[in-house]
Amino acid sequence: GQVKVWDPLERQSLVTFKAHDLQVTALAFSPDGTWLATAGEEGTVKV
């Protein structure tokens, strides 16, 4: 249930956080990249 965001161009991990109790099933950035939507196997979606 963790999420990790990378900047590959800089070869740098930007953030790691616990998003869900069960595995992550889907991810999506907002068009401007400010927000990240995450979905968990338990049925919750978080922004």
All heavy atoms as atom14 arrays in JSON, in Angstrom:
{
  "sequence": "GQVKVWDPLERQSLVTFKAHDLQVTALAFSPDGTWLATAGEEGTVKV",
  "atom14_mask": [
    [1, 1, 1, 1, 0, 0, 0, 0, 0, 0, 0, 0, 0, 0],
    [1, 1, 1, 1, 1, 1, 1, 1, 1, 0, 0, 0, 0, 0],
    [1, 1, 1, 1, 1, 1, 1, 0, 0, 0, 0, 0, 0, 0],
    [1, 1, 1, 1, 1, 1, 1, 1, 1, 0, 0, 0, 0, 0],
    [1, 1, 1, 1, 1, 1, 1, 0, 0, 0, 0, 0, 0, 0],
    [1, 1, 1, 1, 1, 1, 1, 1, 1, 1, 1, 1, 1, 1],
    [1, 1, 1, 1, 1, 1, 1, 1, 0, 0, 0, 0, 0, 0],
    [1, 1, 1, 1, 1, 1, 1, 0, 0, 0, 0, 0, 0, 0],
    [1, 1, 1, 1, 1, 1, 1, 1, 0, 0, 0, 0, 0, 0],
    [1, 1, 1, 1, 1, 1, 1, 1, 1, 0, 0, 0, 0, 0],
    [1, 1, 1, 1, 1, 1, 1, 1, 1, 1, 1, 0, 0, 0],
    [1, 1, 1, 1, 1, 1, 1, 1, 1, 0, 0, 0, 0, 0],
    [1, 1, 1, 1, 1, 1, 0, 0, 0, 0, 0, 0, 0, 0],
    [1, 1, 1, 1, 1, 1, 1, 1, 0, 0, 0, 0, 0, 0],
    [1, 1, 1, 1, 1, 1, 1, 0, 0, 0, 0, 0, 0, 0],
    [1, 1, 1, 1, 1, 1, 1, 0, 0, 0, 0, 0, 0, 0],
    [1, 1, 1, 1, 1, 1, 1, 1, 1, 1, 1, 0, 0, 0],
    [1, 1, 1, 1, 1, 1, 1, 1, 1, 0, 0, 0, 0, 0],
    [1, 1, 1, 1, 1, 0, 0, 0, 0, 0, 0, 0, 0, 0],
    [1, 1, 1, 1, 1, 1, 1, 1, 1, 1, 0, 0, 0, 0],
    [1, 1, 1, 1, 1, 1, 1, 1, 0, 0, 0, 0, 0, 0],
    [1, 1, 1, 1, 1, 1, 1, 1, 0, 0, 0, 0, 0, 0],
    [1, 1, 1, 1, 1, 1, 1, 1, 1, 0, 0, 0, 0, 0],
    [1, 1, 1, 1, 1, 1, 1, 0, 0, 0, 0, 0, 0, 0],
    [1, 1, 1, 1, 1, 1, 1, 0, 0, 0, 0, 0, 0, 0],
    [1, 1, 1, 1, 1, 0, 0, 0, 0, 0, 0, 0, 0, 0],
    [1, 1, 1, 1, 1, 1, 1, 1, 0, 0, 0, 0, 0, 0],
    [1, 1, 1, 1, 1, 0, 0, 0, 0, 0, 0, 0, 0, 0],
    [1, 1, 1, 1, 1, 1, 1, 1, 1, 1, 1, 0, 0, 0],
    [1, 1, 1, 1, 1, 1, 0, 0, 0, 0, 0, 0, 0, 0],
    [1, 1, 1, 1, 1, 1, 1, 0, 0, 0, 0, 0, 0, 0],
    [1, 1, 1, 1, 1, 1, 1, 1, 0, 0, 0, 0, 0, 0],
    [1, 1, 1, 1, 0, 0, 0, 0, 0, 0, 0, 0, 0, 0],
    [1, 1, 1, 1, 1, 1, 1, 0, 0, 0, 0, 0, 0, 0],
    [1, 1, 1, 1, 1, 1, 1, 1, 1, 1, 1, 1, 1, 1],
    [1, 1, 1, 1, 1, 1, 1, 1, 0, 0, 0, 0, 0, 0],
    [1, 1, 1, 1, 1, 0, 0, 0, 0, 0, 0, 0, 0, 0],
    [1, 1, 1, 1, 1, 1, 1, 0, 0, 0, 0, 0, 0, 0],
    [1, 1, 1, 1, 1, 0, 0, 0, 0, 0, 0, 0, 0, 0],
    [1, 1, 1, 1, 0, 0, 0, 0, 0, 0, 0, 0, 0, 0],
    [1, 1, 1, 1, 1, 1, 1, 1, 1, 0, 0, 0, 0, 0],
    [1, 1, 1, 1, 1, 1, 1, 1, 1, 0, 0, 0, 0, 0],
    [1, 1, 1, 1, 0, 0, 0, 0, 0, 0, 0, 0, 0, 0],
    [1, 1, 1, 1, 1, 1, 1, 0, 0, 0, 0, 0, 0, 0],
    [1, 1, 1, 1, 1, 1, 1, 0, 0, 0, 0, 0, 0, 0],
    [1, 1, 1, 1, 1, 1, 1, 1, 1, 0, 0, 0, 0, 0],
    [1, 1, 1, 1, 1, 1, 1, 0, 0, 0, 0, 0, 0, 0]
  ],
  "atom14_positions": [
    [[0.78, -1.23, 0.0], [0.0, 0.0, 0.0], [0.82, 1.28, 0.0], [0.26, 2.36, 0.22], [0.0, 0.0, 0.0], [0.0, 0.0, 0.0], [0.0, 0.0, 0.0], [0.0, 0.0, 0.0], [0.0, 0.0, 0.0], [0.0, 0.0, 0.0], [0.0, 0.0, 0.0], [0.0, 0.0, 0.0], [0.0, 0.0, 0.0], [0.0, 0.0, 0.0]],
    [[2.1, 1.19, -0.26], [2.95, 2.37, -0.32], [2.94, 3.0, -1.71], [2.7, 2.33, -2.71], [4.39, 2.03, 0.04], [4.63, 1.69, 1.5], [6.1, 1.37, 1.75], [6.72, 0.67, 0.98], [6.63, 1.9, 2.85], [0.0, 0.0, 0.0], [0.0, 0.0, 0.0], [0.0, 0.0, 0.0], [0.0, 0.0, 0.0], [0.0, 0.0, 0.0]],
    [[3.26, 4.29, -1.75], [3.44, 5.02, -2.99], [4.79, 5.72, -2.94], [5.17, 6.3, -1.9], [2.32, 6.05, -3.22], [2.65, 6.98, -4.38], [0.99, 5.36, -3.45], [0.0, 0.0, 0.0], [0.0, 0.0, 0.0], [0.0, 0.0, 0.0], [0.0, 0.0, 0.0], [0.0, 0.0, 0.0], [0.0, 0.0, 0.0], [0.0, 0.0, 0.0]],
    [[5.52, 5.67, -4.06], [6.82, 6.33, -4.14], [6.87, 7.09, -5.46], [6.51, 6.56, -6.52], [7.95, 5.3, -4.08], [9.33, 5.9, -3.85], [10.31, 4.8, -3.45], [11.62, 5.39, -2.97], [12.52, 4.37, -2.4], [0.0, 0.0, 0.0], [0.0, 0.0, 0.0], [0.0, 0.0, 0.0], [0.0, 0.0, 0.0], [0.0, 0.0, 0.0]],
    [[7.31, 8.35, -5.39], [7.4, 9.2, -6.58], [8.87, 9.51, -6.85], [9.61, 9.9, -5.95], [6.6, 10.5, -6.4], [6.7, 11.36, -7.65], [5.14, 10.2, -6.09], [0.0, 0.0, 0.0], [0.0, 0.0, 0.0], [0.0, 0.0, 0.0], [0.0, 0.0, 0.0], [0.0, 0.0, 0.0], [0.0, 0.0, 0.0], [0.0, 0.0, 0.0]],
    [[9.25, 9.36, -8.12], [10.63, 9.57, -8.57], [10.7, 10.7, -9.59], [9.76, 10.92, -10.36], [11.18, 8.31, -9.24], [11.59, 7.21, -8.31], [10.78, 6.27, -7.75], [12.91, 6.93, -7.86], [11.51, 5.41, -6.98], [12.84, 5.79, -7.02], [14.16, 7.51, -8.08], [13.94, 5.25, -6.4], [15.27, 6.96, -7.47], [15.16, 5.84, -6.64]],
    [[11.84, 11.37, -9.6], [12.23, 12.24, -10.7], [13.38, 11.53, -11.41], [14.54, 11.64, -11.01], [12.69, 13.61, -10.19], [13.02, 14.57, -11.32], [13.27, 14.12, -12.45], [13.04, 15.79, -11.07], [0.0, 0.0, 0.0], [0.0, 0.0, 0.0], [0.0, 0.0, 0.0], [0.0, 0.0, 0.0], [0.0, 0.0, 0.0], [0.0, 0.0, 0.0]],
    [[13.09, 10.75, -12.48], [14.15, 9.96, -13.12], [15.24, 10.82, -13.74], [16.4, 10.41, -13.78], [13.4, 9.16, -14.19], [11.97, 9.24, -13.83], [11.78, 10.52, -13.1], [0.0, 0.0, 0.0], [0.0, 0.0, 0.0], [0.0, 0.0, 0.0], [0.0, 0.0, 0.0], [0.0, 0.0, 0.0], [0.0, 0.0, 0.0], [0.0, 0.0, 0.0]],
    [[14.86, 11.99, -14.25], [15.85, 12.86, -14.88], [16.94, 13.26, -13.89], [18.12, 13.35, -14.23], [15.17, 14.1, -15.45], [15.95, 14.92, -16.47], [16.26, 14.09, -17.71], [15.18, 16.17, -16.84], [0.0, 0.0, 0.0], [0.0, 0.0, 0.0], [0.0, 0.0, 0.0], [0.0, 0.0, 0.0], [0.0, 0.0, 0.0], [0.0, 0.0, 0.0]],
    [[16.53, 13.48, -12.63], [17.48, 13.83, -11.57], [17.98, 12.62, -10.81], [18.79, 12.77, -9.89], [16.82, 14.82, -10.59], [16.38, 16.13, -11.22], [17.56, 16.94, -11.72], [18.66, 16.81, -11.15], [17.38, 17.7, -12.7], [0.0, 0.0, 0.0], [0.0, 0.0, 0.0], [0.0, 0.0, 0.0], [0.0, 0.0, 0.0], [0.0, 0.0, 0.0]],
    [[17.47, 11.43, -11.16], [17.85, 10.18, -10.45], [17.55, 10.31, -8.96], [18.33, 9.92, -8.1], [19.31, 9.86, -10.63], [19.81, 9.24, -11.92], [19.29, 9.75, -13.17], [20.1, 9.27, -14.31], [19.88, 9.64, -15.55], [18.89, 10.48, -15.82], [20.62, 9.18, -16.52], [0.0, 0.0, 0.0], [0.0, 0.0, 0.0], [0.0, 0.0, 0.0]],
    [[16.38, 10.85, -8.63], [16.08, 11.17, -7.24], [14.68, 10.73, -6.86], [13.71, 10.99, -7.58], [16.22, 12.68, -7.01], [15.95, 13.12, -5.59], [16.1, 14.62, -5.42], [16.38, 15.33, -6.38], [15.94, 15.1, -4.21], [0.0, 0.0, 0.0], [0.0, 0.0, 0.0], [0.0, 0.0, 0.0], [0.0, 0.0, 0.0], [0.0, 0.0, 0.0]],
    [[14.56, 10.07, -5.71], [13.26, 9.76, -5.13], [12.75, 11.0, -4.4], [13.46, 11.58, -3.57], [13.37, 8.59, -4.16], [12.16, 8.39, -3.47], [0.0, 0.0, 0.0], [0.0, 0.0, 0.0], [0.0, 0.0, 0.0], [0.0, 0.0, 0.0], [0.0, 0.0, 0.0], [0.0, 0.0, 0.0], [0.0, 0.0, 0.0], [0.0, 0.0, 0.0]],
    [[11.52, 11.42, -4.7], [11.0, 12.68, -4.15], [10.2, 12.48, -2.88], [10.24, 13.32, -1.98], [10.13, 13.37, -5.2], [10.81, 13.72, -6.52], [9.82, 14.37, -7.49], [12.0, 14.64, -6.28], [0.0, 0.0, 0.0], [0.0, 0.0, 0.0], [0.0, 0.0, 0.0], [0.0, 0.0, 0.0], [0.0, 0.0, 0.0], [0.0, 0.0, 0.0]],
    [[9.44, 11.39, -2.81], [8.6, 11.18, -1.64], [8.18, 9.72, -1.57], [8.03, 9.05, -2.6], [7.35, 12.1, -1.69], [6.44, 11.72, -2.85], [6.57, 12.1, -0.39], [0.0, 0.0, 0.0], [0.0, 0.0, 0.0], [0.0, 0.0, 0.0], [0.0, 0.0, 0.0], [0.0, 0.0, 0.0], [0.0, 0.0, 0.0], [0.0, 0.0, 0.0]],
    [[8.0, 9.2, -0.36], [7.43, 7.87, -0.12], [6.42, 8.0, 1.01], [6.71, 8.63, 2.03], [8.52, 6.85, 0.28], [9.53, 6.82, -0.73], [7.92, 5.47, 0.46], [0.0, 0.0, 0.0], [0.0, 0.0, 0.0], [0.0, 0.0, 0.0], [0.0, 0.0, 0.0], [0.0, 0.0, 0.0], [0.0, 0.0, 0.0], [0.0, 0.0, 0.0]],
    [[5.23, 7.43, 0.82], [4.23, 7.5, 1.89], [3.31, 6.3, 1.82], [3.16, 5.66, 0.77], [3.43, 8.81, 1.84], [2.68, 9.05, 0.56], [1.35, 8.65, 0.42], [3.29, 9.7, -0.51], [0.65, 8.89, -0.75], [2.61, 9.94, -1.69], [1.28, 9.53, -1.82], [0.0, 0.0, 0.0], [0.0, 0.0, 0.0], [0.0, 0.0, 0.0]],
    [[2.7, 5.99, 2.96], [1.72, 4.91, 3.07], [0.37, 5.45, 2.63], [-0.19, 6.35, 3.26], [1.66, 4.4, 4.51], [0.63, 3.32, 4.77], [1.05, 1.97, 4.23], [0.11, 0.86, 4.73], [0.44, -0.45, 4.15], [0.0, 0.0, 0.0], [0.0, 0.0, 0.0], [0.0, 0.0, 0.0], [0.0, 0.0, 0.0], [0.0, 0.0, 0.0]],
    [[-0.17, 4.9, 1.53], [-1.42, 5.42, 0.98], [-2.62, 4.56, 1.35], [-3.72, 5.08, 1.54], [-1.3, 5.53, -0.53], [0.0, 0.0, 0.0], [0.0, 0.0, 0.0], [0.0, 0.0, 0.0], [0.0, 0.0, 0.0], [0.0, 0.0, 0.0], [0.0, 0.0, 0.0], [0.0, 0.0, 0.0], [0.0, 0.0, 0.0], [0.0, 0.0, 0.0]],
    [[-2.43, 3.22, 1.44], [-3.57, 2.32, 1.64], [-3.18, 1.16, 2.54], [-1.99, 0.83, 2.68], [-4.06, 1.79, 0.29], [-4.62, 2.85, -0.59], [-5.92, 3.29, -0.53], [-4.02, 3.6, -1.57], [-6.11, 4.24, -1.42], [-4.99, 4.44, -2.07], [0.0, 0.0, 0.0], [0.0, 0.0, 0.0], [0.0, 0.0, 0.0], [0.0, 0.0, 0.0]],
    [[-4.2, 0.53, 3.13], [-3.96, -0.62, 3.99], [-3.63, -1.86, 3.17], [-2.86, -2.71, 3.63], [-5.2, -0.89, 4.86], [-5.46, 0.23, 5.85], [-4.49, 0.9, 6.25], [-6.64, 0.44, 6.19], [0.0, 0.0, 0.0], [0.0, 0.0, 0.0], [0.0, 0.0, 0.0], [0.0, 0.0, 0.0], [0.0, 0.0, 0.0], [0.0, 0.0, 0.0]],
    [[-4.24, -1.97, 1.99], [-3.96, -3.09, 1.1], [-3.22, -2.56, -0.13], [-2.89, -1.38, -0.22], [-5.27, -3.79, 0.7], [-6.08, -4.37, 1.87], [-7.37, -5.01, 1.35], [-5.27, -5.38, 2.67], [0.0, 0.0, 0.0], [0.0, 0.0, 0.0], [0.0, 0.0, 0.0], [0.0, 0.0, 0.0], [0.0, 0.0, 0.0], [0.0, 0.0, 0.0]],
    [[-2.96, -3.42, -1.11], [-2.14, -3.03, -2.25], [-2.78, -1.9, -3.06], [-4.0, -1.75, -3.12], [-1.88, -4.22, -3.15], [-3.08, -4.76, -3.9], [-2.7, -5.81, -4.93], [-1.7, -5.65, -5.63], [-3.48, -6.87, -5.03], [0.0, 0.0, 0.0], [0.0, 0.0, 0.0], [0.0, 0.0, 0.0], [0.0, 0.0, 0.0], [0.0, 0.0, 0.0]],
    [[-1.93, -1.12, -3.7], [-2.37, -0.05, -4.58], [-2.81, -0.66, -5.91], [-2.1, -1.48, -6.49], [-1.24, 0.97, -4.81], [-1.69, 2.08, -5.77], [-0.79, 1.57, -3.48], [0.0, 0.0, 0.0], [0.0, 0.0, 0.0], [0.0, 0.0, 0.0], [0.0, 0.0, 0.0], [0.0, 0.0, 0.0], [0.0, 0.0, 0.0], [0.0, 0.0, 0.0]],
    [[-4.0, -0.26, -6.4], [-4.52, -0.84, -7.64], [-4.5, 0.14, -8.82], [-4.6, -0.28, -9.96], [-5.97, -1.34, -7.46], [-6.82, -0.23, -7.1], [-6.03, -2.4, -6.37], [0.0, 0.0, 0.0], [0.0, 0.0, 0.0], [0.0, 0.0, 0.0], [0.0, 0.0, 0.0], [0.0, 0.0, 0.0], [0.0, 0.0, 0.0], [0.0, 0.0, 0.0]],
    [[-4.4, 1.45, -8.55], [-4.37, 2.43, -9.64], [-3.78, 3.74, -9.13], [-3.89, 4.06, -7.94], [-5.77, 2.67, -10.21], [0.0, 0.0, 0.0], [0.0, 0.0, 0.0], [0.0, 0.0, 0.0], [0.0, 0.0, 0.0], [0.0, 0.0, 0.0], [0.0, 0.0, 0.0], [0.0, 0.0, 0.0], [0.0, 0.0, 0.0], [0.0, 0.0, 0.0]],
    [[-3.17, 4.49, -10.05], [-2.56, 5.78, -9.74], [-2.83, 6.74, -10.89], [-2.92, 6.32, -12.05], [-1.04, 5.65, -9.56], [-0.52, 4.83, -8.38], [0.97, 4.52, -8.59], [-0.72, 5.59, -7.07], [0.0, 0.0, 0.0], [0.0, 0.0, 0.0], [0.0, 0.0, 0.0], [0.0, 0.0, 0.0], [0.0, 0.0, 0.0], [0.0, 0.0, 0.0]],
    [[-2.94, 8.03, -10.6], [-3.08, 9.04, -11.66], [-2.64, 10.39, -11.13], [-3.05, 10.8, -10.03], [-4.51, 9.11, -12.17], [0.0, 0.0, 0.0], [0.0, 0.0, 0.0], [0.0, 0.0, 0.0], [0.0, 0.0, 0.0], [0.0, 0.0, 0.0], [0.0, 0.0, 0.0], [0.0, 0.0, 0.0], [0.0, 0.0, 0.0], [0.0, 0.0, 0.0]],
    [[-1.81, 11.11, -11.91], [-1.47, 12.49, -11.6], [-2.56, 13.41, -12.15], [-3.16, 13.15, -13.21], [-0.15, 12.88, -12.26], [1.08, 12.38, -11.53], [1.77, 11.27, -12.01], [1.55, 13.04, -10.41], [2.91, 10.83, -11.36], [2.69, 12.6, -9.76], [3.38, 11.49, -10.23], [0.0, 0.0, 0.0], [0.0, 0.0, 0.0], [0.0, 0.0, 0.0]],
    [[-2.8, 14.52, -11.46], [-3.64, 15.56, -12.02], [-2.91, 16.2, -13.2], [-1.68, 16.09, -13.31], [-3.96, 16.61, -10.96], [-2.78, 17.24, -10.48], [0.0, 0.0, 0.0], [0.0, 0.0, 0.0], [0.0, 0.0, 0.0], [0.0, 0.0, 0.0], [0.0, 0.0, 0.0], [0.0, 0.0, 0.0], [0.0, 0.0, 0.0], [0.0, 0.0, 0.0]],
    [[-3.62, 16.89, -14.11], [-2.96, 17.44, -15.3], [-1.79, 18.37, -15.0], [-0.83, 18.4, -15.77], [-4.1, 18.21, -15.99], [-5.33, 17.46, -15.6], [-5.09, 17.02, -14.19], [0.0, 0.0, 0.0], [0.0, 0.0, 0.0], [0.0, 0.0, 0.0], [0.0, 0.0, 0.0], [0.0, 0.0, 0.0], [0.0, 0.0, 0.0], [0.0, 0.0, 0.0]],
    [[-1.82, 19.1, -13.88], [-0.7, 19.98, -13.55], [0.33, 19.3, -12.66], [1.34, 19.92, -12.28], [-1.2, 21.26, -12.89], [-1.9, 21.0, -11.56], [-2.01, 19.83, -11.14], [-2.34, 21.98, -10.93], [0.0, 0.0, 0.0], [0.0, 0.0, 0.0], [0.0, 0.0, 0.0], [0.0, 0.0, 0.0], [0.0, 0.0, 0.0], [0.0, 0.0, 0.0]],
    [[0.11, 18.03, -12.32], [1.06, 17.27, -11.51], [1.03, 17.56, -10.03], [1.78, 16.96, -9.26], [0.0, 0.0, 0.0], [0.0, 0.0, 0.0], [0.0, 0.0, 0.0], [0.0, 0.0, 0.0], [0.0, 0.0, 0.0], [0.0, 0.0, 0.0], [0.0, 0.0, 0.0], [0.0, 0.0, 0.0], [0.0, 0.0, 0.0], [0.0, 0.0, 0.0]],
    [[0.15, 18.44, -9.59], [0.12, 18.83, -8.18], [-0.48, 17.75, -7.31], [-0.01, 17.5, -6.19], [-0.7, 20.13, -8.01], [-0.11, 21.16, -8.8], [-0.73, 20.57, -6.55], [0.0, 0.0, 0.0], [0.0, 0.0, 0.0], [0.0, 0.0, 0.0], [0.0, 0.0, 0.0], [0.0, 0.0, 0.0], [0.0, 0.0, 0.0], [0.0, 0.0, 0.0]],
    [[-1.51, 17.09, -7.79], [-2.2, 16.08, -7.01], [-1.94, 14.69, -7.59], [-1.65, 14.54, -8.78], [-3.71, 16.33, -7.01], [-4.11, 17.57, -6.26], [-3.31, 18.41, -5.53], [-5.43, 18.13, -6.18], [-4.03, 19.44, -5.01], [-5.34, 19.3, -5.38], [-6.67, 17.76, -6.69], [-6.44, 20.09, -5.09], [-7.78, 18.54, -6.41], [-7.67, 19.69, -5.62]],
    [[-2.07, 13.7, -6.72], [-1.94, 12.3, -7.11], [-3.12, 11.53, -6.54], [-3.37, 11.58, -5.33], [-0.63, 11.7, -6.59], [-0.36, 10.23, -6.93], [-0.13, 10.06, -8.42], [0.85, 9.71, -6.15], [0.0, 0.0, 0.0], [0.0, 0.0, 0.0], [0.0, 0.0, 0.0], [0.0, 0.0, 0.0], [0.0, 0.0, 0.0], [0.0, 0.0, 0.0]],
    [[-3.87, 10.86, -7.41], [-4.97, 10.0, -6.97], [-4.46, 8.58, -6.84], [-3.72, 8.09, -7.7], [-6.14, 10.06, -7.95], [0.0, 0.0, 0.0], [0.0, 0.0, 0.0], [0.0, 0.0, 0.0], [0.0, 0.0, 0.0], [0.0, 0.0, 0.0], [0.0, 0.0, 0.0], [0.0, 0.0, 0.0], [0.0, 0.0, 0.0], [0.0, 0.0, 0.0]],
    [[-4.84, 7.91, -5.76], [-4.44, 6.53, -5.52], [-5.67, 5.7, -5.18], [-6.6, 6.17, -4.55], [-3.43, 6.44, -4.34], [-4.11, 6.78, -3.11], [-2.26, 7.39, -4.55], [0.0, 0.0, 0.0], [0.0, 0.0, 0.0], [0.0, 0.0, 0.0], [0.0, 0.0, 0.0], [0.0, 0.0, 0.0], [0.0, 0.0, 0.0], [0.0, 0.0, 0.0]],
    [[-5.66, 4.45, -5.62], [-6.75, 3.52, -5.31], [-6.17, 2.31, -4.61], [-5.09, 1.81, -4.97], [-7.48, 3.09, -6.59], [0.0, 0.0, 0.0], [0.0, 0.0, 0.0], [0.0, 0.0, 0.0], [0.0, 0.0, 0.0], [0.0, 0.0, 0.0], [0.0, 0.0, 0.0], [0.0, 0.0, 0.0], [0.0, 0.0, 0.0], [0.0, 0.0, 0.0]],
    [[-6.89, 1.82, -3.6], [-6.45, 0.65, -2.84], [-7.39, -0.51, -3.02], [-8.57, -0.35, -3.35], [0.0, 0.0, 0.0], [0.0, 0.0, 0.0], [0.0, 0.0, 0.0], [0.0, 0.0, 0.0], [0.0, 0.0, 0.0], [0.0, 0.0, 0.0], [0.0, 0.0, 0.0], [0.0, 0.0, 0.0], [0.0, 0.0, 0.0], [0.0, 0.0, 0.0]],
    [[-6.86, -1.71, -2.78], [-7.65, -2.92, -2.97], [-8.83, -2.98, -2.0], [-9.83, -3.66, -2.25], [-6.77, -4.15, -2.81], [-7.43, -5.44, -3.26], [-6.48, -6.62, -3.2], [-5.58, -6.62, -2.34], [-6.64, -7.55, -4.01], [0.0, 0.0, 0.0], [0.0, 0.0, 0.0], [0.0, 0.0, 0.0], [0.0, 0.0, 0.0], [0.0, 0.0, 0.0]],
    [[-8.75, -2.24, -0.9], [-9.85, -2.24, 0.07], [-11.06, -1.45, -0.43], [-12.14, -1.48, 0.17], [-9.37, -1.64, 1.4], [-9.15, -0.13, 1.41], [-7.85, 0.31, 0.75], [-7.06, -0.57, 0.37], [-7.63, 1.53, 0.63], [0.0, 0.0, 0.0], [0.0, 0.0, 0.0], [0.0, 0.0, 0.0], [0.0, 0.0, 0.0], [0.0, 0.0, 0.0]],
    [[-10.92, -0.72, -1.56], [-12.04, -0.01, -2.15], [-12.0, 1.49, -2.02], [-12.86, 2.18, -2.57], [0.0, 0.0, 0.0], [0.0, 0.0, 0.0], [0.0, 0.0, 0.0], [0.0, 0.0, 0.0], [0.0, 0.0, 0.0], [0.0, 0.0, 0.0], [0.0, 0.0, 0.0], [0.0, 0.0, 0.0], [0.0, 0.0, 0.0], [0.0, 0.0, 0.0]],
    [[-11.02, 2.03, -1.31], [-10.94, 3.48, -1.16], [-10.11, 4.1, -2.27], [-9.18, 3.48, -2.8], [-10.33, 3.87, 0.19], [-8.99, 3.35, 0.27], [-11.16, 3.36, 1.35], [0.0, 0.0, 0.0], [0.0, 0.0, 0.0], [0.0, 0.0, 0.0], [0.0, 0.0, 0.0], [0.0, 0.0, 0.0], [0.0, 0.0, 0.0], [0.0, 0.0, 0.0]],
    [[-10.47, 5.33, -2.63], [-9.69, 6.16, -3.53], [-9.33, 7.42, -2.77], [-10.19, 8.03, -2.11], [-10.49, 6.52, -4.8], [-9.76, 7.56, -5.63], [-10.75, 5.27, -5.63], [0.0, 0.0, 0.0], [0.0, 0.0, 0.0], [0.0, 0.0, 0.0], [0.0, 0.0, 0.0], [0.0, 0.0, 0.0], [0.0, 0.0, 0.0], [0.0, 0.0, 0.0]],
    [[-8.07, 7.82, -2.85], [-7.6, 9.0, -2.12], [-6.93, 9.97, -3.08], [-6.32, 9.56, -4.07], [-6.63, 8.58, -1.01], [-7.26, 7.65, 0.02], [-6.27, 7.27, 1.12], [-6.92, 6.32, 2.13], [-6.0, 5.97, 3.23], [0.0, 0.0, 0.0], [0.0, 0.0, 0.0], [0.0, 0.0, 0.0], [0.0, 0.0, 0.0], [0.0, 0.0, 0.0]],
    [[-7.06, 11.24, -2.77], [-6.42, 12.29, -3.55], [-5.46, 13.02, -2.62], [-5.86, 13.48, -1.54], [-7.45, 13.26, -4.15], [-6.74, 14.35, -4.94], [-8.44, 12.51, -5.04], [0.0, 0.0, 0.0], [0.0, 0.0, 0.0], [0.0, 0.0, 0.0], [0.0, 0.0, 0.0], [0.0, 0.0, 0.0], [0.0, 0.0, 0.0], [0.0, 0.0, 0.0]]
  ]
}
